[in-house]
């Protein structure tokens, strides 16, 4: 199962820290997803996962959530995408 990053929107301010919205797709999934990431200090990150457009399969979104939770490389790729966008 492979995740691909489609689009990244991100911002940073001293008051609100880092905020990123990463649209991702998964091979074989009909829906795309939005992962919202937030950090005050760029070290400790919180995230939420939603469908990017219309609702889709609950089973498929749970597969992506499991991947994000279990694979540090996947989570780090999302964080890196946000930090990369902010630094440009």
PDB file of N, CA and C in Angstrom:
ATOM      1  N   UNK A   1       0.857  -1.176   0.000  1.00  0.00           N
ATOM      2  CA  UNK A   1       0.000   0.000   0.000  1.00  0.00           C
ATOM      3  C   UNK A   1       0.898   1.232   0.000  1.00  0.00           C
ATOM      4  N   UNK A   2       0.628   2.144  -0.905  1.00  0.00           N
ATOM      5  CA  UNK A   2       1.507   3.291  -1.064  1.00  0.00           C
ATOM      6  C   UNK A   2       0.710   4.595  -1.016  1.00  0.00           C
ATOM      7  N   UNK A   3       1.215   5.555  -0.250  1.00  0.00           N
ATOM      8  CA  UNK A   3       0.611   6.874  -0.150  1.00  0.00           C
ATOM      9  C   UNK A   3       1.376   7.831  -1.044  1.00  0.00           C
ATOM     10  N   UNK A   4       0.658   8.746  -1.698  1.00  0.00           N
ATOM     11  CA  UNK A   4       1.300   9.777  -2.511  1.00  0.00           C
ATOM     12  C   UNK A   4       0.755  11.143  -2.103  1.00  0.00           C
ATOM     13  N   UNK A   5       1.645  12.115  -2.042  1.00  0.00           N
ATOM     14  CA  UNK A   5       1.251  13.475  -1.699  1.00  0.00           C
ATOM     15  C   UNK A   5       0.812  14.187  -2.961  1.00  0.00           C
ATOM     16  N   UNK A   6      -0.378  14.772  -2.914  1.00  0.00           N
ATOM     17  CA  UNK A   6      -0.964  15.450  -4.069  1.00  0.00           C
ATOM     18  C   UNK A   6      -0.757  16.958  -3.983  1.00  0.00           C
ATOM     19  N   UNK A   7      -1.000  17.528  -2.802  1.00  0.00           N
ATOM     20  CA  UNK A   7      -0.922  18.975  -2.639  1.00  0.00           C
ATOM     21  C   UNK A   7      -0.630  19.304  -1.181  1.00  0.00           C
ATOM     22  N   UNK A   8       0.084  20.411  -0.971  1.00  0.00           N
ATOM     23  CA  UNK A   8       0.422  20.841   0.390  1.00  0.00           C
ATOM     24  C   UNK A   8       0.150  22.334   0.519  1.00  0.00           C
ATOM     25  N   UNK A   9      -0.555  22.707   1.585  1.00  0.00           N
ATOM     26  CA  UNK A   9      -0.730  24.105   1.965  1.00  0.00           C
ATOM     27  C   UNK A   9      -0.230  24.201   3.400  1.00  0.00           C
ATOM     28  N   UNK A  10       0.606  25.186   3.676  1.00  0.00           N
ATOM     29  CA  UNK A  10       1.178  25.283   5.018  1.00  0.00           C
ATOM     30  C   UNK A  10       1.476  26.724   5.372  1.00  0.00           C
ATOM     31  N   UNK A  11       1.465  26.979   6.675  1.00  0.00           N
ATOM     32  CA  UNK A  11       1.804  28.314   7.165  1.00  0.00           C
ATOM     33  C   UNK A  11       2.506  28.178   8.521  1.00  0.00           C
ATOM     34  N   UNK A  12       3.189  29.263   8.889  1.00  0.00           N
ATOM     35  CA  UNK A  12       3.861  29.309  10.185  1.00  0.00           C
ATOM     36  C   UNK A  12       3.784  30.723  10.723  1.00  0.00           C
ATOM     37  N   UNK A  13       3.479  30.833  12.003  1.00  0.00           N
ATOM     38  CA  UNK A  13       3.526  32.124  12.687  1.00  0.00           C
ATOM     39  C   UNK A  13       3.969  31.879  14.127  1.00  0.00           C
ATOM     40  N   UNK A  14       4.534  32.904  14.740  1.00  0.00           N
ATOM     41  CA  UNK A  14       4.986  32.762  16.124  1.00  0.00           C
ATOM     42  C   UNK A  14       3.811  32.469  17.051  1.00  0.00           C
ATOM     43  N   UNK A  15       2.656  33.054  16.761  1.00  0.00           N
ATOM     44  CA  UNK A  15       1.480  32.880  17.621  1.00  0.00           C
ATOM     45  C   UNK A  15       0.836  31.508  17.470  1.00  0.00           C
ATOM     46  N   UNK A  16       0.729  31.026  16.241  1.00  0.00           N
ATOM     47  CA  UNK A  16      -0.028  29.798  15.980  1.00  0.00           C
ATOM     48  C   UNK A  16       0.836  28.594  15.654  1.00  0.00           C
ATOM     49  N   UNK A  17       2.129  28.779  15.530  1.00  0.00           N
ATOM     50  CA  UNK A  17       3.013  27.668  15.212  1.00  0.00           C
ATOM     51  C   UNK A  17       2.877  27.241  13.756  1.00  0.00           C
ATOM     52  N   UNK A  18       3.028  25.956  13.524  1.00  0.00           N
ATOM     53  CA  UNK A  18       2.972  25.386  12.178  1.00  0.00           C
ATOM     54  C   UNK A  18       1.603  24.771  11.942  1.00  0.00           C
ATOM     55  N   UNK A  19       1.053  25.024  10.766  1.00  0.00           N
ATOM     56  CA  UNK A  19      -0.218  24.432  10.371  1.00  0.00           C
ATOM     57  C   UNK A  19      -0.111  24.003   8.923  1.00  0.00           C
ATOM     58  N   UNK A  20      -0.411  22.747   8.671  1.00  0.00           N
ATOM     59  CA  UNK A  20      -0.328  22.237   7.311  1.00  0.00           C
ATOM     60  C   UNK A  20      -1.527  21.393   6.947  1.00  0.00           C
ATOM     61  N   UNK A  21      -1.890  21.470   5.676  1.00  0.00           N
ATOM     62  CA  UNK A  21      -2.963  20.651   5.109  1.00  0.00           C
ATOM     63  C   UNK A  21      -2.344  19.904   3.933  1.00  0.00           C
ATOM     64  N   UNK A  22      -2.266  18.580   4.071  1.00  0.00           N
ATOM     65  CA  UNK A  22      -1.626  17.755   3.052  1.00  0.00           C
ATOM     66  C   UNK A  22      -2.680  16.855   2.434  1.00  0.00           C
ATOM     67  N   UNK A  23      -2.906  17.033   1.136  1.00  0.00           N
ATOM     68  CA  UNK A  23      -3.834  16.152   0.420  1.00  0.00           C
ATOM     69  C   UNK A  23      -3.047  14.944  -0.073  1.00  0.00           C
ATOM     70  N   UNK A  24      -3.557  13.759   0.237  1.00  0.00           N
ATOM     71  CA  UNK A  24      -2.876  12.530  -0.140  1.00  0.00           C
ATOM     72  C   UNK A  24      -3.842  11.567  -0.813  1.00  0.00           C
ATOM     73  N   UNK A  25      -3.262  10.682  -1.602  1.00  0.00           N
ATOM     74  CA  UNK A  25      -4.007   9.597  -2.222  1.00  0.00           C
ATOM     75  C   UNK A  25      -3.355   8.283  -1.853  1.00  0.00           C
ATOM     76  N   UNK A  26      -4.113   7.240  -1.946  1.00  0.00           N
ATOM     77  CA  UNK A  26      -3.612   5.890  -1.673  1.00  0.00           C
ATOM     78  C   UNK A  26      -3.886   5.027  -2.893  1.00  0.00           C
ATOM     79  N   UNK A  27      -2.918   4.226  -3.278  1.00  0.00           N
ATOM     80  CA  UNK A  27      -3.104   3.305  -4.391  1.00  0.00           C
ATOM     81  C   UNK A  27      -4.309   2.416  -4.127  1.00  0.00           C
ATOM     82  N   UNK A  28      -5.213   2.350  -5.093  1.00  0.00           N
ATOM     83  CA  UNK A  28      -6.388   1.500  -4.991  1.00  0.00           C
ATOM     84  C   UNK A  28      -7.568   2.117  -4.262  1.00  0.00           C
ATOM     85  N   UNK A  29      -7.407   3.329  -3.714  1.00  0.00           N
ATOM     86  CA  UNK A  29      -8.513   3.990  -3.010  1.00  0.00           C
ATOM     87  C   UNK A  29      -9.214   4.950  -3.964  1.00  0.00           C
ATOM     88  N   UNK A  30     -10.529   5.040  -3.847  1.00  0.00           N
ATOM     89  CA  UNK A  30     -11.307   5.937  -4.705  1.00  0.00           C
ATOM     90  C   UNK A  30     -11.225   7.388  -4.227  1.00  0.00           C
ATOM     91  N   UNK A  31     -11.128   7.588  -2.922  1.00  0.00           N
ATOM     92  CA  UNK A  31     -11.134   8.928  -2.335  1.00  0.00           C
ATOM     93  C   UNK A  31      -9.726   9.452  -2.142  1.00  0.00           C
ATOM     94  N   UNK A  32      -9.633  10.777  -2.022  1.00  0.00           N
ATOM     95  CA  UNK A  32      -8.401  11.399  -1.547  1.00  0.00           C
ATOM     96  C   UNK A  32      -8.671  11.898  -0.128  1.00  0.00           C
ATOM     97  N   UNK A  33      -7.596  12.170   0.590  1.00  0.00           N
ATOM     98  CA  UNK A  33      -7.707  12.499   2.009  1.00  0.00           C
ATOM     99  C   UNK A  33      -6.937  13.770   2.311  1.00  0.00           C
ATOM    100  N   UNK A  34      -7.338  14.447   3.386  1.00  0.00           N
ATOM    101  CA  UNK A  34      -6.592  15.591   3.865  1.00  0.00           C
ATOM    102  C   UNK A  34      -6.082  15.285   5.267  1.00  0.00           C
ATOM    103  N   UNK A  35      -4.768  15.402   5.434  1.00  0.00           N
ATOM    104  CA  UNK A  35      -4.148  15.256   6.740  1.00  0.00           C
ATOM    105  C   UNK A  35      -3.805  16.673   7.200  1.00  0.00           C
ATOM    106  N   UNK A  36      -4.392  17.091   8.305  1.00  0.00           N
ATOM    107  CA  UNK A  36      -4.095  18.384   8.895  1.00  0.00           C
ATOM    108  C   UNK A  36      -3.090  18.155  10.011  1.00  0.00           C
ATOM    109  N   UNK A  37      -1.973  18.860   9.933  1.00  0.00           N
ATOM    110  CA  UNK A  37      -0.911  18.723  10.932  1.00  0.00           C
ATOM    111  C   UNK A  37      -0.697  20.062  11.624  1.00  0.00           C
ATOM    112  N   UNK A  38      -0.455  20.023  12.934  1.00  0.00           N
ATOM    113  CA  UNK A  38      -0.217  21.240  13.702  1.00  0.00           C
ATOM    114  C   UNK A  38       0.883  20.981  14.710  1.00  0.00           C
ATOM    115  N   UNK A  39       1.762  21.977  14.864  1.00  0.00           N
ATOM    116  CA  UNK A  39       2.828  21.908  15.857  1.00  0.00           C
ATOM    117  C   UNK A  39       3.164  23.305  16.344  1.00  0.00           C
ATOM    118  N   UNK A  40       3.370  23.436  17.633  1.00  0.00           N
ATOM    119  CA  UNK A  40       3.803  24.720  18.177  1.00  0.00           C
ATOM    120  C   UNK A  40       5.292  24.935  17.952  1.00  0.00           C
ATOM    121  N   UNK A  41       6.080  23.837  17.934  1.00  0.00           N
ATOM    122  CA  UNK A  41       7.530  23.954  17.955  1.00  0.00           C
ATOM    123  C   UNK A  41       8.260  23.177  16.852  1.00  0.00           C
ATOM    124  N   UNK A  42       7.561  22.591  15.932  1.00  0.00           N
ATOM    125  CA  UNK A  42       8.083  21.772  14.831  1.00  0.00           C
ATOM    126  C   UNK A  42       8.685  20.450  15.298  1.00  0.00           C
ATOM    127  N   UNK A  43       8.515  20.100  16.561  1.00  0.00           N
ATOM    128  CA  UNK A  43       9.015  18.809  17.054  1.00  0.00           C
ATOM    129  C   UNK A  43       7.877  17.871  17.434  1.00  0.00           C
ATOM    130  N   UNK A  44       6.862  18.395  18.068  1.00  0.00           N
ATOM    131  CA  UNK A  44       5.714  17.608  18.515  1.00  0.00           C
ATOM    132  C   UNK A  44       4.516  17.961  17.642  1.00  0.00           C
ATOM    133  N   UNK A  45       4.013  16.962  16.920  1.00  0.00           N
ATOM    134  CA  UNK A  45       2.968  17.193  15.930  1.00  0.00           C
ATOM    135  C   UNK A  45       1.677  16.479  16.307  1.00  0.00           C
ATOM    136  N   UNK A  46       0.571  17.158  16.062  1.00  0.00           N
ATOM    137  CA  UNK A  46      -0.765  16.574  16.156  1.00  0.00           C
ATOM    138  C   UNK A  46      -1.300  16.494  14.723  1.00  0.00           C
ATOM    139  N   UNK A  47      -2.153  15.510  14.479  1.00  0.00           N
ATOM    140  CA  UNK A  47      -2.741  15.426  13.151  1.00  0.00           C
ATOM    141  C   UNK A  47      -4.188  14.986  13.229  1.00  0.00           C
ATOM    142  N   UNK A  48      -4.926  15.308  12.194  1.00  0.00           N
ATOM    143  CA  UNK A  48      -6.273  14.776  12.005  1.00  0.00           C
ATOM    144  C   UNK A  48      -6.392  14.350  10.551  1.00  0.00           C
ATOM    145  N   UNK A  49      -7.226  13.365  10.312  1.00  0.00           N
ATOM    146  CA  UNK A  49      -7.392  12.782   8.986  1.00  0.00           C
ATOM    147  C   UNK A  49      -8.851  12.877   8.586  1.00  0.00           C
ATOM    148  N   UNK A  50      -9.094  13.424   7.397  1.00  0.00           N
ATOM    149  CA  UNK A  50     -10.453  13.561   6.859  1.00  0.00           C
ATOM    150  C   UNK A  50     -10.441  13.254   5.375  1.00  0.00           C
ATOM    151  N   UNK A  51     -11.619  13.020   4.829  1.00  0.00           N
ATOM    152  CA  UNK A  51     -11.739  12.919   3.377  1.00  0.00           C
ATOM    153  C   UNK A  51     -11.520  14.310   2.793  1.00  0.00           C
ATOM    154  N   UNK A  52     -10.788  14.394   1.691  1.00  0.00           N
ATOM    155  CA  UNK A  52     -10.472  15.696   1.095  1.00  0.00           C
ATOM    156  C   UNK A  52     -11.688  16.316   0.416  1.00  0.00           C
ATOM    157  N   UNK A  53     -12.498  15.498  -0.205  1.00  0.00           N
ATOM    158  CA  UNK A  53     -13.653  16.020  -0.934  1.00  0.00           C
ATOM    159  C   UNK A  53     -14.915  15.377  -0.379  1.00  0.00           C
ATOM    160  N   UNK A  54     -15.474  14.434  -1.068  1.00  0.00           N
ATOM    161  CA  UNK A  54     -16.673  13.773  -0.577  1.00  0.00           C
ATOM    162  C   UNK A  54     -16.287  12.561   0.270  1.00  0.00           C
ATOM    163  N   UNK A  55     -17.186  12.169   1.147  1.00  0.00           N
ATOM    164  CA  UNK A  55     -16.938  11.001   2.000  1.00  0.00           C
ATOM    165  C   UNK A  55     -16.757   9.752   1.157  1.00  0.00           C
ATOM    166  N   UNK A  56     -15.976   8.843   1.685  1.00  0.00           N
ATOM    167  CA  UNK A  56     -15.711   7.592   0.993  1.00  0.00           C
ATOM    168  C   UNK A  56     -15.808   6.426   1.945  1.00  0.00           C
ATOM    169  N   UNK A  57     -15.075   5.396   1.640  1.00  0.00           N
ATOM    170  CA  UNK A  57     -15.111   4.153   2.397  1.00  0.00           C
ATOM    171  C   UNK A  57     -14.450   4.317   3.766  1.00  0.00           C
ATOM    172  N   UNK A  58     -15.182   3.948   4.805  1.00  0.00           N
ATOM    173  CA  UNK A  58     -14.637   3.999   6.160  1.00  0.00           C
ATOM    174  C   UNK A  58     -13.469   3.018   6.303  1.00  0.00           C
ATOM    175  N   UNK A  59     -13.576   1.883   5.648  1.00  0.00           N
ATOM    176  CA  UNK A  59     -12.503   0.885   5.689  1.00  0.00           C
ATOM    177  C   UNK A  59     -11.218   1.438   5.073  1.00  0.00           C
ATOM    178  N   UNK A  60     -11.343   2.179   3.965  1.00  0.00           N
ATOM    179  CA  UNK A  60     -10.165   2.730   3.303  1.00  0.00           C
ATOM    180  C   UNK A  60      -9.506   3.826   4.130  1.00  0.00           C
ATOM    181  N   UNK A  61     -10.286   4.714   4.750  1.00  0.00           N
ATOM    182  CA  UNK A  61      -9.673   5.774   5.552  1.00  0.00           C
ATOM    183  C   UNK A  61      -8.999   5.164   6.780  1.00  0.00           C
ATOM    184  N   UNK A  62      -9.554   4.084   7.321  1.00  0.00           N
ATOM    185  CA  UNK A  62      -8.924   3.408   8.454  1.00  0.00           C
ATOM    186  C   UNK A  62      -7.599   2.768   8.043  1.00  0.00           C
ATOM    187  N   UNK A  63      -7.501   2.295   6.804  1.00  0.00           N
ATOM    188  CA  UNK A  63      -6.230   1.749   6.317  1.00  0.00           C
ATOM    189  C   UNK A  63      -5.158   2.826   6.308  1.00  0.00           C
ATOM    190  N   UNK A  64      -5.509   4.020   5.842  1.00  0.00           N
ATOM    191  CA  UNK A  64      -4.545   5.115   5.828  1.00  0.00           C
ATOM    192  C   UNK A  64      -4.183   5.527   7.250  1.00  0.00           C
ATOM    193  N   UNK A  65      -5.155   5.604   8.120  1.00  0.00           N
ATOM    194  CA  UNK A  65      -4.856   5.978   9.499  1.00  0.00           C
ATOM    195  C   UNK A  65      -3.908   4.971  10.149  1.00  0.00           C
ATOM    196  N   UNK A  66      -4.134   3.692   9.902  1.00  0.00           N
ATOM    197  CA  UNK A  66      -3.228   2.662  10.428  1.00  0.00           C
ATOM    198  C   UNK A  66      -1.815   2.857   9.881  1.00  0.00           C
ATOM    199  N   UNK A  67      -1.713   3.183   8.593  1.00  0.00           N
ATOM    200  CA  UNK A  67      -0.405   3.394   7.975  1.00  0.00           C
ATOM    201  C   UNK A  67       0.315   4.581   8.620  1.00  0.00           C
ATOM    202  N   UNK A  68      -0.406   5.678   8.832  1.00  0.00           N
ATOM    203  CA  UNK A  68       0.184   6.867   9.463  1.00  0.00           C
ATOM    204  C   UNK A  68       0.638   6.549  10.889  1.00  0.00           C
ATOM    205  N   UNK A  69      -0.176   5.810  11.616  1.00  0.00           N
ATOM    206  CA  UNK A  69       0.133   5.479  13.011  1.00  0.00           C
ATOM    207  C   UNK A  69       1.296   4.501  13.133  1.00  0.00           C
ATOM    208  N   UNK A  70       1.400   3.571  12.209  1.00  0.00           N
ATOM    209  CA  UNK A  70       2.359   2.475  12.351  1.00  0.00           C
ATOM    210  C   UNK A  70       3.683   2.688  11.625  1.00  0.00           C
ATOM    211  N   UNK A  71       3.712   3.561  10.624  1.00  0.00           N
ATOM    212  CA  UNK A  71       4.914   3.722   9.811  1.00  0.00           C
ATOM    213  C   UNK A  71       5.490   5.123  10.004  1.00  0.00           C
ATOM    214  N   UNK A  72       6.567   5.210  10.770  1.00  0.00           N
ATOM    215  CA  UNK A  72       7.188   6.518  11.036  1.00  0.00           C
ATOM    216  C   UNK A  72       7.608   7.223   9.758  1.00  0.00           C
ATOM    217  N   UNK A  73       8.030   6.477   8.747  1.00  0.00           N
ATOM    218  CA  UNK A  73       8.446   7.096   7.487  1.00  0.00           C
ATOM    219  C   UNK A  73       7.290   7.823   6.815  1.00  0.00           C
ATOM    220  N   UNK A  74       6.101   7.265   6.890  1.00  0.00           N
ATOM    221  CA  UNK A  74       4.916   7.896   6.297  1.00  0.00           C
ATOM    222  C   UNK A  74       4.586   9.177   7.050  1.00  0.00           C
ATOM    223  N   UNK A  75       4.548   9.102   8.384  1.00  0.00           N
ATOM    224  CA  UNK A  75       4.249  10.291   9.178  1.00  0.00           C
ATOM    225  C   UNK A  75       5.313  11.366   8.959  1.00  0.00           C
ATOM    226  N   UNK A  76       6.575  10.963   8.952  1.00  0.00           N
ATOM    227  CA  UNK A  76       7.661  11.921   8.737  1.00  0.00           C
ATOM    228  C   UNK A  76       7.594  12.559   7.357  1.00  0.00           C
ATOM    229  N   UNK A  77       7.145  11.824   6.344  1.00  0.00           N
ATOM    230  CA  UNK A  77       6.990  12.388   5.001  1.00  0.00           C
ATOM    231  C   UNK A  77       5.929  13.488   5.006  1.00  0.00           C
ATOM    232  N   UNK A  78       4.859  13.308   5.774  1.00  0.00           N
ATOM    233  CA  UNK A  78       3.817  14.334   5.882  1.00  0.00           C
ATOM    234  C   UNK A  78       4.359  15.580   6.576  1.00  0.00           C
ATOM    235  N   UNK A  79       5.063  15.385   7.682  1.00  0.00           N
ATOM    236  CA  UNK A  79       5.660  16.511   8.414  1.00  0.00           C
ATOM    237  C   UNK A  79       6.680  17.229   7.525  1.00  0.00           C
ATOM    238  N   UNK A  80       7.530  16.470   6.848  1.00  0.00           N
ATOM    239  CA  UNK A  80       8.536  17.077   5.974  1.00  0.00           C
ATOM    240  C   UNK A  80       7.892  17.890   4.859  1.00  0.00           C
ATOM    241  N   UNK A  81       6.766  17.421   4.340  1.00  0.00           N
ATOM    242  CA  UNK A  81       6.070  18.164   3.284  1.00  0.00           C
ATOM    243  C   UNK A  81       5.596  19.519   3.800  1.00  0.00           C
ATOM    244  N   UNK A  82       5.102  19.541   5.035  1.00  0.00           N
ATOM    245  CA  UNK A  82       4.658  20.811   5.635  1.00  0.00           C
ATOM    246  C   UNK A  82       5.862  21.732   5.861  1.00  0.00           C
ATOM    247  N   UNK A  83       6.904  21.217   6.468  1.00  0.00           N
ATOM    248  CA  UNK A  83       8.086  22.045   6.757  1.00  0.00           C
ATOM    249  C   UNK A  83       8.732  22.548   5.475  1.00  0.00           C
ATOM    250  N   UNK A  84       8.753  21.710   4.457  1.00  0.00           N
ATOM    251  CA  UNK A  84       9.315  22.101   3.176  1.00  0.00           C
ATOM    252  C   UNK A  84       8.525  23.241   2.543  1.00  0.00           C
ATOM    253  N   UNK A  85       7.195  23.155   2.630  1.00  0.00           N
ATOM    254  CA  UNK A  85       6.328  24.192   2.051  1.00  0.00           C
ATOM    255  C   UNK A  85       6.506  25.513   2.804  1.00  0.00           C
ATOM    256  N   UNK A  86       6.628  25.462   4.110  1.00  0.00           N
ATOM    257  CA  UNK A  86       6.795  26.675   4.928  1.00  0.00           C
ATOM    258  C   UNK A  86       8.125  27.356   4.623  1.00  0.00           C
ATOM    259  N   UNK A  87       9.152  26.567   4.362  1.00  0.00           N
ATOM    260  CA  UNK A  87      10.488  27.136   4.156  1.00  0.00           C
ATOM    261  C   UNK A  87      10.669  27.771   2.778  1.00  0.00           C
ATOM    262  N   UNK A  88       9.706  27.611   1.883  1.00  0.00           N
ATOM    263  CA  UNK A  88       9.827  28.188   0.526  1.00  0.00           C
ATOM    264  C   UNK A  88       9.292  29.579   0.450  1.00  0.00           C
TER     265      UNK A  88
END
